[in-house]
């Protein structure tokens, strides 16, 4: 489903579910360190917002926060993978 303003909620949900599959990898905690819980919280709350078709602006803000956290993770494979996945969602 695409919101009237253009955010593809289905694609965003798909990407965030894939990102959440990284949570159990030991490299995830190593990559994000103290921000691991923040990343998990942002992903989970954004998935909930998408499921409830909440305000697109809030969802986009959450996606941008997640992107910033992934950028801050440096050149790790997990961080790079998350950035690549987020790059498939126009926001």
N, C-alpha and C. Protein backbone atom coordinates (compact mmCIF):
# COMPACT_ATOMS: atom_id res chain seq x y z
N UNK A 1 0.83 -1.18 0.00
CA UNK A 1 0.00 0.00 0.00
C UNK A 1 0.87 1.24 0.00
N UNK A 2 0.55 2.17 -0.83
CA UNK A 2 1.26 3.44 -0.86
C UNK A 2 0.36 4.50 -0.25
N UNK A 3 0.89 5.23 0.70
CA UNK A 3 0.13 6.32 1.30
C UNK A 3 -0.09 7.39 0.25
N UNK A 4 -1.06 8.23 0.45
CA UNK A 4 -1.37 9.26 -0.54
C UNK A 4 -0.20 10.19 -0.81
N UNK A 5 0.72 10.31 0.15
CA UNK A 5 1.87 11.18 -0.03
C UNK A 5 3.07 10.46 -0.64
N UNK A 6 2.93 9.15 -0.88
CA UNK A 6 3.96 8.46 -1.61
C UNK A 6 4.80 7.44 -0.87
N UNK A 7 4.73 7.35 0.45
CA UNK A 7 5.51 6.35 1.16
C UNK A 7 4.90 4.98 0.93
N UNK A 8 5.71 4.05 0.47
CA UNK A 8 5.25 2.69 0.23
C UNK A 8 5.32 1.93 1.56
N UNK A 9 4.19 1.83 2.22
CA UNK A 9 4.13 1.19 3.54
C UNK A 9 4.52 -0.28 3.47
N UNK A 10 4.12 -0.97 2.40
CA UNK A 10 4.45 -2.39 2.27
C UNK A 10 5.96 -2.58 2.12
N UNK A 11 6.58 -1.77 1.30
CA UNK A 11 8.04 -1.87 1.10
C UNK A 11 8.77 -1.53 2.40
N UNK A 12 8.33 -0.48 3.09
CA UNK A 12 8.96 -0.10 4.34
C UNK A 12 8.83 -1.22 5.37
N UNK A 13 7.67 -1.84 5.43
CA UNK A 13 7.46 -2.95 6.36
C UNK A 13 8.37 -4.12 6.02
N UNK A 14 8.46 -4.44 4.75
CA UNK A 14 9.33 -5.53 4.28
C UNK A 14 10.78 -5.28 4.68
N UNK A 15 11.25 -4.07 4.44
CA UNK A 15 12.64 -3.71 4.75
C UNK A 15 12.89 -3.77 6.26
N UNK A 16 11.98 -3.22 7.04
CA UNK A 16 12.18 -3.22 8.49
C UNK A 16 12.12 -4.62 9.08
N UNK A 17 11.30 -5.48 8.51
CA UNK A 17 11.28 -6.88 8.97
C UNK A 17 12.60 -7.56 8.66
N UNK A 18 13.17 -7.26 7.51
CA UNK A 18 14.47 -7.83 7.17
C UNK A 18 15.55 -7.30 8.12
N UNK A 19 15.50 -6.01 8.40
CA UNK A 19 16.47 -5.42 9.34
C UNK A 19 16.32 -6.08 10.72
N UNK A 20 15.09 -6.32 11.14
CA UNK A 20 14.89 -6.93 12.46
C UNK A 20 15.44 -8.35 12.51
N UNK A 21 15.59 -8.99 11.37
CA UNK A 21 16.18 -10.33 11.35
C UNK A 21 17.68 -10.29 11.70
N UNK A 22 18.29 -9.12 11.63
CA UNK A 22 19.70 -8.96 11.99
C UNK A 22 19.91 -8.88 13.51
N UNK A 23 18.85 -8.65 14.26
CA UNK A 23 18.97 -8.40 15.70
C UNK A 23 19.68 -9.53 16.44
N UNK A 24 19.52 -10.77 16.00
CA UNK A 24 20.10 -11.91 16.70
C UNK A 24 21.55 -12.19 16.31
N UNK A 25 22.06 -11.50 15.32
CA UNK A 25 23.44 -11.71 14.92
C UNK A 25 24.38 -11.08 15.94
N UNK A 26 25.42 -11.79 16.35
CA UNK A 26 26.38 -11.20 17.29
C UNK A 26 26.99 -9.90 16.75
N UNK A 27 27.14 -9.81 15.44
CA UNK A 27 27.72 -8.61 14.84
C UNK A 27 26.83 -7.39 15.00
N UNK A 28 25.53 -7.62 15.20
CA UNK A 28 24.61 -6.49 15.36
C UNK A 28 24.98 -5.70 16.61
N UNK A 29 25.12 -6.38 17.73
CA UNK A 29 25.48 -5.71 18.99
C UNK A 29 26.87 -5.10 18.87
N UNK A 30 27.76 -5.81 18.22
CA UNK A 30 29.12 -5.32 18.02
C UNK A 30 29.12 -4.06 17.15
N UNK A 31 28.29 -4.04 16.14
CA UNK A 31 28.22 -2.91 15.22
C UNK A 31 27.64 -1.67 15.87
N UNK A 32 26.54 -1.83 16.57
CA UNK A 32 25.82 -0.68 17.11
C UNK A 32 26.16 -0.37 18.57
N UNK A 33 26.81 -1.30 19.26
CA UNK A 33 27.24 -1.06 20.63
C UNK A 33 26.11 -0.54 21.50
N UNK A 34 26.32 0.61 22.12
CA UNK A 34 25.32 1.20 23.03
C UNK A 34 24.02 1.59 22.32
N UNK A 35 24.08 1.72 21.00
CA UNK A 35 22.88 2.11 20.25
C UNK A 35 22.05 0.90 19.79
N UNK A 36 22.47 -0.31 20.14
CA UNK A 36 21.74 -1.51 19.70
C UNK A 36 20.28 -1.46 20.11
N UNK A 37 20.04 -1.13 21.37
CA UNK A 37 18.65 -1.08 21.84
C UNK A 37 17.88 0.05 21.16
N UNK A 38 18.55 1.17 20.88
CA UNK A 38 17.88 2.27 20.17
C UNK A 38 17.44 1.84 18.78
N UNK A 39 18.32 1.13 18.08
CA UNK A 39 17.98 0.67 16.73
C UNK A 39 16.79 -0.28 16.80
N UNK A 40 16.85 -1.23 17.74
CA UNK A 40 15.74 -2.19 17.88
C UNK A 40 14.43 -1.46 18.19
N UNK A 41 14.49 -0.49 19.10
CA UNK A 41 13.28 0.25 19.47
C UNK A 41 12.70 1.03 18.28
N UNK A 42 13.58 1.67 17.51
CA UNK A 42 13.12 2.44 16.34
C UNK A 42 12.47 1.51 15.32
N UNK A 43 13.11 0.37 15.07
CA UNK A 43 12.55 -0.57 14.09
C UNK A 43 11.19 -1.08 14.56
N UNK A 44 11.12 -1.50 15.83
CA UNK A 44 9.86 -2.05 16.35
C UNK A 44 8.75 -1.01 16.36
N UNK A 45 9.05 0.19 16.82
CA UNK A 45 8.00 1.22 16.87
C UNK A 45 7.57 1.65 15.47
N UNK A 46 8.49 1.66 14.53
CA UNK A 46 8.15 2.03 13.15
C UNK A 46 7.29 0.95 12.51
N UNK A 47 7.61 -0.31 12.78
CA UNK A 47 6.78 -1.40 12.26
C UNK A 47 5.36 -1.30 12.81
N UNK A 48 5.24 -0.96 14.08
CA UNK A 48 3.91 -0.79 14.68
C UNK A 48 3.16 0.37 14.02
N UNK A 49 3.87 1.46 13.79
CA UNK A 49 3.26 2.64 13.15
C UNK A 49 2.80 2.30 11.73
N UNK A 50 3.62 1.55 11.01
CA UNK A 50 3.25 1.14 9.65
C UNK A 50 2.02 0.24 9.68
N UNK A 51 2.00 -0.67 10.63
CA UNK A 51 0.87 -1.60 10.75
C UNK A 51 -0.44 -0.87 11.03
N UNK A 52 -0.35 0.23 11.77
CA UNK A 52 -1.53 1.02 12.12
C UNK A 52 -1.81 2.14 11.12
N UNK A 53 -1.02 2.19 10.04
CA UNK A 53 -1.15 3.25 9.03
C UNK A 53 -1.09 4.64 9.66
N UNK A 54 -0.15 4.82 10.56
CA UNK A 54 -0.01 6.11 11.23
C UNK A 54 0.61 7.15 10.31
N UNK A 55 0.74 8.35 10.82
CA UNK A 55 1.22 9.50 10.06
C UNK A 55 2.53 9.23 9.32
N UNK A 56 2.51 9.50 8.05
CA UNK A 56 3.69 9.28 7.21
C UNK A 56 4.89 10.09 7.67
N UNK A 57 4.65 11.32 8.13
CA UNK A 57 5.75 12.17 8.58
C UNK A 57 6.51 11.56 9.75
N UNK A 58 5.78 10.97 10.68
CA UNK A 58 6.42 10.32 11.83
C UNK A 58 7.21 9.09 11.40
N UNK A 59 6.65 8.35 10.46
CA UNK A 59 7.33 7.15 9.97
C UNK A 59 8.61 7.55 9.24
N UNK A 60 8.52 8.57 8.39
CA UNK A 60 9.72 9.04 7.68
C UNK A 60 10.79 9.52 8.66
N UNK A 61 10.37 10.20 9.73
CA UNK A 61 11.31 10.67 10.73
C UNK A 61 12.02 9.49 11.39
N UNK A 62 11.27 8.44 11.69
CA UNK A 62 11.85 7.24 12.28
C UNK A 62 12.84 6.58 11.33
N UNK A 63 12.49 6.53 10.04
CA UNK A 63 13.39 5.94 9.05
C UNK A 63 14.68 6.75 8.94
N UNK A 64 14.57 8.07 9.03
CA UNK A 64 15.76 8.92 8.98
C UNK A 64 16.64 8.71 10.22
N UNK A 65 16.01 8.55 11.38
CA UNK A 65 16.77 8.26 12.60
C UNK A 65 17.51 6.94 12.45
N UNK A 66 16.83 5.94 11.93
CA UNK A 66 17.45 4.64 11.72
C UNK A 66 18.62 4.75 10.75
N UNK A 67 18.43 5.52 9.70
CA UNK A 67 19.51 5.73 8.72
C UNK A 67 20.71 6.40 9.39
N UNK A 68 20.46 7.41 10.20
CA UNK A 68 21.55 8.09 10.90
C UNK A 68 22.30 7.15 11.83
N UNK A 69 21.57 6.29 12.53
CA UNK A 69 22.20 5.31 13.41
C UNK A 69 23.06 4.33 12.62
N UNK A 70 22.59 3.92 11.45
CA UNK A 70 23.35 3.00 10.60
C UNK A 70 24.60 3.69 10.05
N UNK A 71 24.47 4.96 9.68
CA UNK A 71 25.64 5.71 9.20
C UNK A 71 26.68 5.81 10.32
N UNK A 72 26.21 6.05 11.54
CA UNK A 72 27.11 6.14 12.68
C UNK A 72 27.79 4.83 13.03
N UNK A 73 27.29 3.73 12.49
CA UNK A 73 27.87 2.42 12.78
C UNK A 73 29.15 2.17 11.97
N UNK A 74 29.50 3.10 11.11
CA UNK A 74 30.73 2.96 10.36
C UNK A 74 30.60 2.02 9.18
N UNK A 75 31.69 1.42 8.80
CA UNK A 75 31.74 0.60 7.58
C UNK A 75 31.50 -0.87 7.81
N UNK A 76 30.76 -1.23 8.83
CA UNK A 76 30.49 -2.64 9.10
C UNK A 76 29.54 -3.21 8.05
N UNK A 77 29.56 -4.53 7.92
CA UNK A 77 28.65 -5.17 6.97
C UNK A 77 27.19 -4.99 7.39
N UNK A 78 26.92 -5.09 8.68
CA UNK A 78 25.54 -4.93 9.16
C UNK A 78 25.07 -3.50 8.87
N UNK A 79 25.88 -2.51 9.23
CA UNK A 79 25.52 -1.12 8.99
C UNK A 79 25.33 -0.83 7.51
N UNK A 80 26.24 -1.36 6.69
CA UNK A 80 26.14 -1.16 5.24
C UNK A 80 24.90 -1.84 4.68
N UNK A 81 24.59 -3.03 5.19
CA UNK A 81 23.41 -3.75 4.74
C UNK A 81 22.14 -3.00 5.07
N UNK A 82 22.09 -2.44 6.29
CA UNK A 82 20.91 -1.66 6.69
C UNK A 82 20.77 -0.42 5.83
N UNK A 83 21.88 0.25 5.57
CA UNK A 83 21.82 1.44 4.70
C UNK A 83 21.34 1.08 3.30
N UNK A 84 21.82 -0.05 2.78
CA UNK A 84 21.40 -0.48 1.44
C UNK A 84 19.90 -0.79 1.42
N UNK A 85 19.42 -1.46 2.46
CA UNK A 85 17.99 -1.77 2.53
C UNK A 85 17.16 -0.49 2.63
N UNK A 86 17.59 0.43 3.48
CA UNK A 86 16.85 1.69 3.63
C UNK A 86 16.86 2.49 2.33
N UNK A 87 17.91 2.32 1.53
CA UNK A 87 18.01 3.00 0.25
C UNK A 87 16.96 2.56 -0.75
N UNK A 88 16.32 1.42 -0.49
CA UNK A 88 15.27 0.94 -1.39
C UNK A 88 13.91 1.56 -1.10
N UNK A 89 13.84 2.36 -0.02
CA UNK A 89 12.59 3.04 0.35
C UNK A 89 12.76 4.52 0.07
N UNK A 90 12.03 5.07 -0.88
CA UNK A 90 12.11 6.52 -1.06
C UNK A 90 11.40 7.26 0.07
N UNK A 91 12.17 8.03 0.83
CA UNK A 91 11.57 8.81 1.92
C UNK A 91 12.30 10.12 2.09
